N, C-alpha and C. Protein backbone atom coordinates (compact mmCIF):
# COMPACT_ATOMS: atom_id res chain seq x y z
N UNK A 1 196.46 118.43 177.97
CA UNK A 1 196.63 117.63 179.17
C UNK A 1 195.34 117.65 179.98
N UNK A 2 194.90 116.51 180.42
CA UNK A 2 193.65 116.41 181.18
C UNK A 2 193.90 116.65 182.66
N UNK A 3 192.94 117.29 183.30
CA UNK A 3 193.00 117.54 184.73
C UNK A 3 191.82 116.85 185.39
N UNK A 4 192.10 116.05 186.41
CA UNK A 4 191.04 115.40 187.17
C UNK A 4 190.57 116.35 188.26
N UNK A 5 189.27 116.54 188.35
CA UNK A 5 188.68 117.39 189.39
C UNK A 5 188.12 116.46 190.46
N UNK A 6 188.62 116.62 191.68
CA UNK A 6 188.18 115.81 192.81
C UNK A 6 187.39 116.66 193.79
N UNK A 7 186.60 116.01 194.64
CA UNK A 7 185.84 116.75 195.66
C UNK A 7 186.82 117.35 196.66
N UNK A 8 186.85 118.69 196.74
CA UNK A 8 187.76 119.33 197.70
C UNK A 8 187.14 119.37 199.10
N UNK A 9 187.97 119.64 200.05
CA UNK A 9 187.50 119.83 201.43
C UNK A 9 187.00 121.27 201.52
N UNK A 10 185.68 121.45 201.54
CA UNK A 10 185.08 122.79 201.48
C UNK A 10 184.86 123.39 202.87
N UNK A 11 185.18 122.64 203.91
CA UNK A 11 185.07 123.12 205.29
C UNK A 11 186.04 122.34 206.15
N UNK A 12 186.38 122.88 207.32
CA UNK A 12 187.39 122.26 208.17
C UNK A 12 187.03 120.84 208.58
N UNK A 13 185.75 120.58 208.82
CA UNK A 13 185.34 119.26 209.31
C UNK A 13 184.71 118.39 208.22
N UNK A 14 184.71 118.88 206.99
CA UNK A 14 184.06 118.14 205.91
C UNK A 14 184.79 116.84 205.59
N UNK A 15 184.06 115.74 205.57
CA UNK A 15 184.61 114.45 205.18
C UNK A 15 183.92 113.89 203.94
N UNK A 16 182.66 114.34 203.70
CA UNK A 16 181.92 113.89 202.52
C UNK A 16 180.95 114.98 202.11
N UNK A 17 180.45 114.85 200.89
CA UNK A 17 179.47 115.80 200.37
C UNK A 17 178.57 115.11 199.37
N UNK A 18 177.38 115.67 199.20
CA UNK A 18 176.41 115.12 198.26
C UNK A 18 176.24 116.10 197.10
N UNK A 19 176.27 115.57 195.88
CA UNK A 19 176.10 116.39 194.69
C UNK A 19 174.63 116.80 194.60
N UNK A 20 174.36 118.10 194.75
CA UNK A 20 173.00 118.62 194.63
C UNK A 20 172.67 118.85 193.16
N UNK A 21 173.61 119.49 192.44
CA UNK A 21 173.40 119.73 191.01
C UNK A 21 174.74 119.91 190.31
N UNK A 22 174.75 119.59 189.04
CA UNK A 22 175.92 119.79 188.18
C UNK A 22 175.57 120.96 187.26
N UNK A 23 176.44 121.95 187.20
CA UNK A 23 176.17 123.17 186.44
C UNK A 23 176.74 123.16 185.03
N UNK A 24 177.46 122.10 184.66
CA UNK A 24 178.05 122.00 183.33
C UNK A 24 177.73 120.63 182.74
N UNK A 25 178.01 120.48 181.44
CA UNK A 25 177.82 119.19 180.78
C UNK A 25 179.04 118.89 179.92
N UNK A 26 179.19 117.66 179.52
CA UNK A 26 180.31 117.26 178.67
C UNK A 26 180.31 118.13 177.41
N UNK A 27 181.49 118.66 177.10
CA UNK A 27 181.64 119.52 175.92
C UNK A 27 181.66 121.01 176.26
N UNK A 28 181.20 121.37 177.46
CA UNK A 28 181.22 122.77 177.87
C UNK A 28 182.66 123.25 178.11
N UNK A 29 182.93 124.50 177.76
CA UNK A 29 184.21 125.12 178.08
C UNK A 29 184.07 125.78 179.45
N UNK A 30 185.08 125.60 180.30
CA UNK A 30 185.06 126.19 181.64
C UNK A 30 186.37 126.95 181.89
N UNK A 31 186.27 127.96 182.73
CA UNK A 31 187.43 128.74 183.16
C UNK A 31 187.61 128.55 184.66
N UNK A 32 188.80 128.86 185.15
CA UNK A 32 189.03 128.81 186.59
C UNK A 32 188.02 129.72 187.27
N UNK A 33 187.40 129.23 188.33
CA UNK A 33 186.43 130.01 189.07
C UNK A 33 184.99 129.78 188.65
N UNK A 34 184.76 129.15 187.49
CA UNK A 34 183.39 128.83 187.08
C UNK A 34 182.80 127.80 188.04
N UNK A 35 181.51 127.92 188.34
CA UNK A 35 180.85 126.97 189.23
C UNK A 35 180.57 125.68 188.46
N UNK A 36 181.04 124.57 189.02
CA UNK A 36 180.84 123.26 188.40
C UNK A 36 179.70 122.48 189.06
N UNK A 37 179.67 122.51 190.38
CA UNK A 37 178.69 121.73 191.15
C UNK A 37 178.18 122.53 192.33
N UNK A 38 177.00 122.15 192.82
CA UNK A 38 176.53 122.54 194.15
C UNK A 38 176.69 121.30 195.01
N UNK A 39 177.36 121.46 196.14
CA UNK A 39 177.65 120.34 197.03
C UNK A 39 177.01 120.60 198.39
N UNK A 40 176.28 119.61 198.89
CA UNK A 40 175.67 119.71 200.22
C UNK A 40 176.55 118.97 201.22
N UNK A 41 176.94 119.69 202.29
CA UNK A 41 177.69 119.07 203.37
C UNK A 41 176.75 118.95 204.57
N UNK A 42 177.28 118.51 205.69
CA UNK A 42 176.45 118.39 206.88
C UNK A 42 176.03 119.75 207.43
N UNK A 43 176.69 120.83 206.96
CA UNK A 43 176.40 122.15 207.51
C UNK A 43 175.80 123.14 206.52
N UNK A 44 176.06 122.96 205.22
CA UNK A 44 175.61 123.97 204.24
C UNK A 44 175.64 123.39 202.83
N UNK A 45 175.01 124.12 201.90
CA UNK A 45 175.12 123.81 200.48
C UNK A 45 176.04 124.87 199.88
N UNK A 46 177.11 124.40 199.23
CA UNK A 46 178.16 125.29 198.74
C UNK A 46 178.38 125.09 197.25
N UNK A 47 178.87 126.15 196.60
CA UNK A 47 179.23 126.05 195.19
C UNK A 47 180.68 125.60 195.09
N UNK A 48 180.93 124.66 194.20
CA UNK A 48 182.28 124.18 193.95
C UNK A 48 182.77 124.76 192.64
N UNK A 49 183.88 125.50 192.69
CA UNK A 49 184.40 126.18 191.50
C UNK A 49 185.51 125.37 190.85
N UNK A 50 185.69 125.61 189.55
CA UNK A 50 186.73 124.93 188.79
C UNK A 50 188.10 125.45 189.18
N UNK A 51 189.05 124.53 189.25
CA UNK A 51 190.45 124.89 189.49
C UNK A 51 191.27 124.79 188.21
N UNK A 52 190.58 124.49 187.10
CA UNK A 52 191.27 124.31 185.82
C UNK A 52 190.47 124.96 184.70
N UNK A 53 191.14 125.20 183.57
CA UNK A 53 190.48 125.72 182.37
C UNK A 53 190.51 124.65 181.30
N UNK A 54 189.48 124.62 180.47
CA UNK A 54 189.45 123.66 179.37
C UNK A 54 188.03 123.25 179.05
N UNK A 55 187.91 122.07 178.45
CA UNK A 55 186.62 121.52 178.04
C UNK A 55 186.30 120.32 178.91
N UNK A 56 185.05 120.26 179.38
CA UNK A 56 184.63 119.12 180.19
C UNK A 56 184.63 117.88 179.31
N UNK A 57 185.46 116.90 179.67
CA UNK A 57 185.58 115.67 178.89
C UNK A 57 184.73 114.54 179.46
N UNK A 58 184.60 114.52 180.78
CA UNK A 58 183.89 113.41 181.43
C UNK A 58 183.35 113.88 182.77
N UNK A 59 182.12 113.47 183.08
CA UNK A 59 181.53 113.69 184.40
C UNK A 59 181.23 112.31 184.96
N UNK A 60 181.81 112.00 186.11
CA UNK A 60 181.70 110.63 186.64
C UNK A 60 180.82 110.53 187.88
N UNK A 61 180.12 111.62 188.22
CA UNK A 61 179.21 111.60 189.37
C UNK A 61 177.81 111.96 188.91
N UNK A 62 176.84 111.61 189.73
CA UNK A 62 175.44 111.91 189.43
C UNK A 62 174.84 112.74 190.56
N UNK A 63 173.82 113.50 190.21
CA UNK A 63 173.10 114.26 191.24
C UNK A 63 172.56 113.29 192.27
N UNK A 64 172.71 113.66 193.55
CA UNK A 64 172.25 112.81 194.64
C UNK A 64 173.31 111.87 195.17
N UNK A 65 174.42 111.76 194.47
CA UNK A 65 175.50 110.86 194.88
C UNK A 65 176.31 111.49 196.01
N UNK A 66 176.64 110.68 197.02
CA UNK A 66 177.47 111.13 198.13
C UNK A 66 178.89 110.65 197.91
N UNK A 67 179.84 111.58 198.08
CA UNK A 67 181.26 111.31 197.82
C UNK A 67 182.09 111.62 199.05
N UNK A 68 183.24 110.98 199.15
CA UNK A 68 184.22 111.33 200.16
C UNK A 68 185.14 112.41 199.59
N UNK A 69 185.71 113.24 200.47
CA UNK A 69 186.68 114.24 200.04
C UNK A 69 187.79 113.52 199.27
N UNK A 70 188.13 114.05 198.10
CA UNK A 70 189.18 113.47 197.27
C UNK A 70 188.67 112.56 196.15
N UNK A 71 187.38 112.19 196.19
CA UNK A 71 186.83 111.33 195.14
C UNK A 71 186.78 112.08 193.80
N UNK A 72 187.03 111.35 192.71
CA UNK A 72 187.01 111.92 191.36
C UNK A 72 185.58 112.33 190.98
N UNK A 73 185.46 113.52 190.38
CA UNK A 73 184.17 114.04 189.97
C UNK A 73 184.07 114.24 188.46
N UNK A 74 185.14 114.77 187.87
CA UNK A 74 185.11 115.03 186.43
C UNK A 74 186.52 115.18 185.90
N UNK A 75 186.61 115.19 184.56
CA UNK A 75 187.88 115.41 183.87
C UNK A 75 187.71 116.61 182.94
N UNK A 76 188.65 117.55 183.04
CA UNK A 76 188.68 118.72 182.16
C UNK A 76 189.95 118.62 181.34
N UNK A 77 189.82 118.77 180.02
CA UNK A 77 190.98 118.66 179.14
C UNK A 77 191.19 119.90 178.32
């Protein structure tokens, strides 16, 4: 079963974030807690951890892209 990973709200006032870097690639195996992305908010650069286990099937964002909270980032299957 595939799990969609969306941009979480990483701070109380966070409404959007910019992808600084992606730490995985399609085909990589990930576990819960593994760092997937570095996200820059208006206040800090934070690590975004996986909430699912499996293999990265699709990455739909690019470095430098700004997203709203809840936007789709990747699929883990």
